[in-house]
Protein backbone atom coordinates (compact mmCIF):
# COMPACT_ATOMS: atom_id res chain seq x y z
CA MET A 1 28.03 37.63 39.26
CA ALA A 2 29.09 38.26 43.07
CA ALA A 3 28.47 35.45 45.30
CA THR A 4 25.70 35.52 47.66
CA ARG A 5 26.89 36.77 51.20
CA LEU A 6 25.78 34.65 54.25
CA THR A 7 23.80 36.17 56.64
CA VAL A 8 25.63 35.17 59.64
CA ALA A 9 23.97 35.31 63.42
CA ALA A 10 25.83 34.29 66.73
CA ILE A 11 24.18 32.41 69.44
CA LEU A 12 26.35 32.84 72.79
CA VAL A 13 25.51 30.22 75.51
CA ALA A 14 25.35 31.86 78.85
CA ALA A 15 22.96 29.44 80.83
CA GLY A 16 25.54 27.56 83.03
CA SER A 17 25.72 27.49 86.74
CA GLY A 18 29.20 27.40 86.97
CA GLN A 19 28.88 25.32 89.83
CA ARG A 20 32.67 23.43 89.17
CA LEU A 21 34.35 27.00 89.04
CA GLY A 22 33.19 27.73 92.75
CA ALA A 23 31.67 31.34 92.26
CA ASP A 24 28.73 32.48 93.83
CA VAL A 25 27.14 33.61 90.68
CA PRO A 26 26.32 31.78 87.12
CA LYS A 27 29.68 31.38 85.28
CA ALA A 28 29.07 34.11 82.71
CA PHE A 29 28.60 36.94 85.07
CA CYS A 30 31.91 35.85 86.84
CA ARG A 31 34.37 38.93 86.65
CA VAL A 32 37.97 39.11 85.18
CA ARG A 33 39.69 42.14 85.40
CA ASN A 34 36.20 43.98 86.18
CA ARG A 35 34.37 42.76 83.28
CA THR A 36 32.30 40.08 82.95
CA LEU A 37 33.19 36.60 80.70
CA LEU A 38 29.87 37.31 78.96
CA GLU A 39 31.11 41.05 78.08
CA TYR A 40 34.38 39.69 76.53
CA ALA A 41 32.58 36.85 74.69
CA HIS A 42 29.93 39.46 73.46
CA ALA A 43 32.32 41.75 72.50
CA ARG A 44 34.42 39.02 70.32
CA PHE A 45 31.35 38.73 68.40
CA ALA A 46 29.52 42.02 68.31
CA ASP A 47 32.34 43.86 66.60
CA HIS A 48 32.94 40.72 63.77
CA PRO A 49 32.68 42.61 60.78
CA ASP A 50 31.17 39.15 59.55
CA ILE A 51 28.42 38.60 62.39
CA GLY A 52 24.92 40.40 62.49
CA ASP A 53 22.62 39.68 65.17
CA VAL A 54 23.99 38.34 68.40
CA ILE A 55 21.47 36.16 70.65
CA VAL A 56 22.80 35.74 74.32
CA VAL A 57 20.86 32.63 76.13
CA ALA A 58 21.16 33.52 79.86
CA PRO A 59 19.68 31.95 83.04
CA ALA A 60 15.74 32.86 83.39
CA ASP A 61 16.82 35.21 86.22
CA ARG A 62 19.59 37.22 84.61
CA LEU A 63 17.88 38.51 81.51
CA ASP A 64 17.65 41.84 82.40
CA GLU A 65 21.41 41.93 83.65
CA ALA A 66 22.93 40.00 80.36
CA LYS A 67 20.79 42.66 78.19
CA ALA A 68 22.49 45.55 80.43
CA LEU A 69 25.82 44.07 80.35
CA THR A 70 25.44 43.43 76.42
CA GLY A 71 22.92 45.60 74.44
CA ALA A 72 22.08 42.17 72.73
CA VAL A 73 18.72 40.10 72.38
CA VAL A 74 18.32 38.14 75.35
CA VAL A 75 16.56 34.69 75.78
CA ALA A 76 16.17 32.24 78.61
CA GLY A 77 18.03 29.03 78.56
CA GLY A 78 16.55 25.82 79.14
CA ALA A 79 16.97 22.99 81.53
CA THR A 80 20.33 21.47 79.13
CA ARG A 81 22.64 23.01 76.85
CA GLN A 82 20.74 21.64 73.97
CA ALA A 83 17.31 23.17 75.15
CA SER A 84 19.10 26.56 75.46
CA VAL A 85 20.46 26.49 72.07
CA ALA A 86 16.98 25.94 70.67
CA ALA A 87 15.71 28.51 72.62
CA GLY A 88 18.59 30.48 70.46
CA LEU A 89 17.14 29.27 67.46
CA ALA A 90 13.97 30.39 68.20
CA ALA A 91 15.00 33.97 68.36
CA LEU A 92 17.09 34.01 64.84
CA ASP A 93 15.59 36.27 62.29
CA ALA A 94 14.41 34.32 59.23
CA ASP A 95 16.74 35.96 56.79
CA VAL A 96 19.50 34.46 58.91
CA ASP A 97 21.08 31.60 56.87
CA THR A 98 24.15 30.70 58.93
CA VAL A 99 24.44 30.45 62.94
CA LEU A 100 27.36 30.31 64.91
CA VAL A 101 26.89 28.46 68.70
CA HIS A 102 29.43 29.62 71.19
CA ASP A 103 30.31 28.97 74.57
CA VAL A 104 30.68 31.95 76.76
CA ALA A 105 32.99 29.93 79.28
CA ARG A 106 35.81 30.36 76.29
CA ALA A 107 35.75 34.06 76.37
CA PHE A 108 38.64 35.21 75.05
CA VAL A 109 37.88 33.57 71.20
CA PRO A 110 40.80 35.32 68.75
CA ALA A 111 38.85 37.16 65.72
CA ALA A 112 40.96 34.46 63.74
CA VAL A 113 38.98 31.77 64.27
CA ILE A 114 35.81 32.87 64.01
CA ASP A 115 37.14 34.26 60.34
CA ARG A 116 38.14 30.75 59.52
CA VAL A 117 34.89 28.87 61.02
CA VAL A 118 32.76 31.89 58.60
CA ALA A 119 34.94 30.99 55.61
CA ALA A 120 34.80 27.07 55.77
CA LEU A 121 30.89 27.71 55.89
CA ASP A 122 30.89 30.55 52.96
CA ALA A 123 33.05 27.68 51.01
CA GLY A 124 30.30 25.26 51.22
CA ALA A 125 30.41 23.25 54.41
CA ASP A 126 27.49 22.74 56.46
CA ALA A 127 29.00 22.65 59.78
CA VAL A 128 32.71 23.24 60.82
CA ILE A 129 34.15 23.15 64.36
CA PRO A 130 37.23 24.58 65.65
CA VAL A 131 39.50 22.19 67.33
CA ARG A 132 43.21 21.87 68.81
CA ALA A 133 45.50 18.67 68.40
CA VAL A 134 45.51 16.33 71.86
CA THR A 135 48.99 16.77 73.29
CA ASP A 136 48.50 14.85 76.35
CA THR A 137 48.67 11.23 76.34
CA ILE A 138 45.54 9.34 76.54
CA LYS A 139 44.50 6.60 78.54
CA ARG A 140 41.55 4.17 78.33
CA VAL A 141 40.28 2.85 82.26
CA ASP A 142 37.93 0.24 83.24
CA SER A 143 35.36 1.04 86.17
CA GLU A 144 37.98 -0.27 88.61
CA ARG A 145 40.21 2.65 87.54
CA ARG A 146 42.56 0.17 85.83
CA VAL A 147 44.34 0.89 82.65
CA VAL A 148 43.30 -0.86 79.96
CA ASP A 149 44.97 0.43 76.98
CA THR A 150 46.61 3.58 75.65
CA VAL A 151 44.83 5.53 72.97
CA ASP A 152 46.23 6.34 69.61
CA ARG A 153 46.15 10.46 69.70
CA SER A 154 47.35 10.78 66.35
CA THR A 155 43.76 11.42 65.12
CA LEU A 156 42.36 12.54 67.96
CA VAL A 157 41.64 16.36 68.24
CA ALA A 158 39.99 18.47 71.38
CA VAL A 159 36.96 20.64 70.28
CA GLN A 160 36.29 24.48 70.85
CA THR A 161 33.42 26.47 70.15
CA PRO A 162 32.36 28.53 68.10
CA GLN A 163 30.86 26.03 66.02
CA GLY A 164 29.40 27.26 62.93
CA PHE A 165 26.49 25.41 60.62
CA ARG A 166 24.26 25.94 57.64
CA ARG A 167 20.90 27.34 59.91
CA ASP A 168 18.62 24.85 58.04
CA VAL A 169 21.17 21.46 58.94
CA LEU A 170 21.29 22.45 62.93
CA ASP A 171 17.28 23.15 62.88
CA ALA A 172 17.12 19.60 61.61
CA ALA A 173 19.56 18.57 63.53
CA HIS A 174 17.96 19.65 66.53
CA ALA A 175 14.16 18.51 65.39
CA ALA A 176 15.35 15.05 64.47
CA ALA A 177 17.31 14.77 68.26
CA ALA A 178 16.09 11.19 70.28
CA SER A 179 16.88 13.66 73.61
CA ASP A 180 17.16 16.83 74.94
CA ALA A 181 20.77 15.70 76.41
CA ALA A 182 23.21 16.62 73.84
CA THR A 183 26.40 18.80 75.27
CA ASP A 184 27.37 19.38 71.27
CA ASP A 185 25.95 20.39 68.37
CA ALA A 186 28.28 19.39 65.77
CA GLY A 187 27.16 15.97 67.18
CA LEU A 188 23.73 16.18 67.08
CA VAL A 189 24.50 17.08 62.82
CA GLU A 190 26.97 14.00 63.11
CA SER A 191 24.10 12.04 64.11
CA TYR A 192 21.95 13.54 61.78
CA GLY A 193 24.17 12.41 58.89
CA GLY A 194 25.70 15.47 58.11
CA THR A 195 29.14 15.95 57.63
CA VAL A 196 31.61 17.92 60.05
CA VAL A 197 34.60 19.43 59.01
CA VAL A 198 37.35 21.06 61.12
CA VAL A 199 39.56 24.23 61.30
CA ASP A 200 42.42 25.50 63.64
CA GLY A 201 41.16 26.72 67.22
CA ALA A 202 43.55 28.67 69.15
CA ASP A 203 44.89 28.19 72.88
CA GLU A 204 43.22 31.51 73.38
CA SER A 205 39.89 29.91 73.36
CA PHE A 206 40.53 27.88 76.47
CA LYS A 207 37.05 26.51 78.48
CA ILE A 208 36.89 28.43 81.73
CA THR A 209 35.99 25.74 84.02
CA HIS A 210 37.73 25.48 87.25
CA PRO A 211 39.18 27.88 89.33
CA TRP A 212 42.67 27.66 87.97
CA ASP A 213 41.10 28.48 84.65
CA LEU A 214 40.29 32.11 86.18
CA VAL A 215 43.91 32.59 86.90
CA VAL A 216 44.77 31.94 83.51
CA ALA A 217 42.07 34.03 82.15
CA GLU A 218 43.54 37.55 84.33
CA ALA A 219 46.82 36.94 82.38
CA VAL A 220 45.21 36.53 78.99
CA ALA A 221 42.79 39.53 79.82
CA ALA A 222 45.78 41.74 80.91
CA ARG A 223 47.33 41.15 77.52
């Protein structure tokens, strides 16, 4: 008997203001080589053979623009990232059993990373995150900016997106959350008692946060 295939949808979180980027538009609507970050990110998922529906969570005053750029289902984000993801979850069709949550700020995620997240879910994981090894030396400092100690980085990883979840697990984690201030859905699942596994991320999945990151984005887009 053939295995039951996952019904996978993606939620693209594009509701951030992008203040640290110093742009005059929300980050997702910044242009790199004449395309918005939202368009780059949306194409990664809309063109992926394992992904069905794509939900875009956008600022309330940019819904029409987001729809015109992507053709996707677009919903208004909330005051926090957690609220925005919850809005995306509420927009999913009933038959979706697996969901990927992705930050549009990571506009150039390779298809191979999406492949690895979906494969881990297909293998039975409840929650999956792509990660990269921490290569910088990490120091812990106190409130007076004095070094307290040097952290062992051998067990540390930097988390990327898309984060993948069994839908019922993520729904339950959101429902059980003590507040709506979480900035990481995998953290919600951890707090709920779920197990999160990791797969390899990619350098191209860097997060566009500061003006310098747009210089890197230009180079990646040109490639």
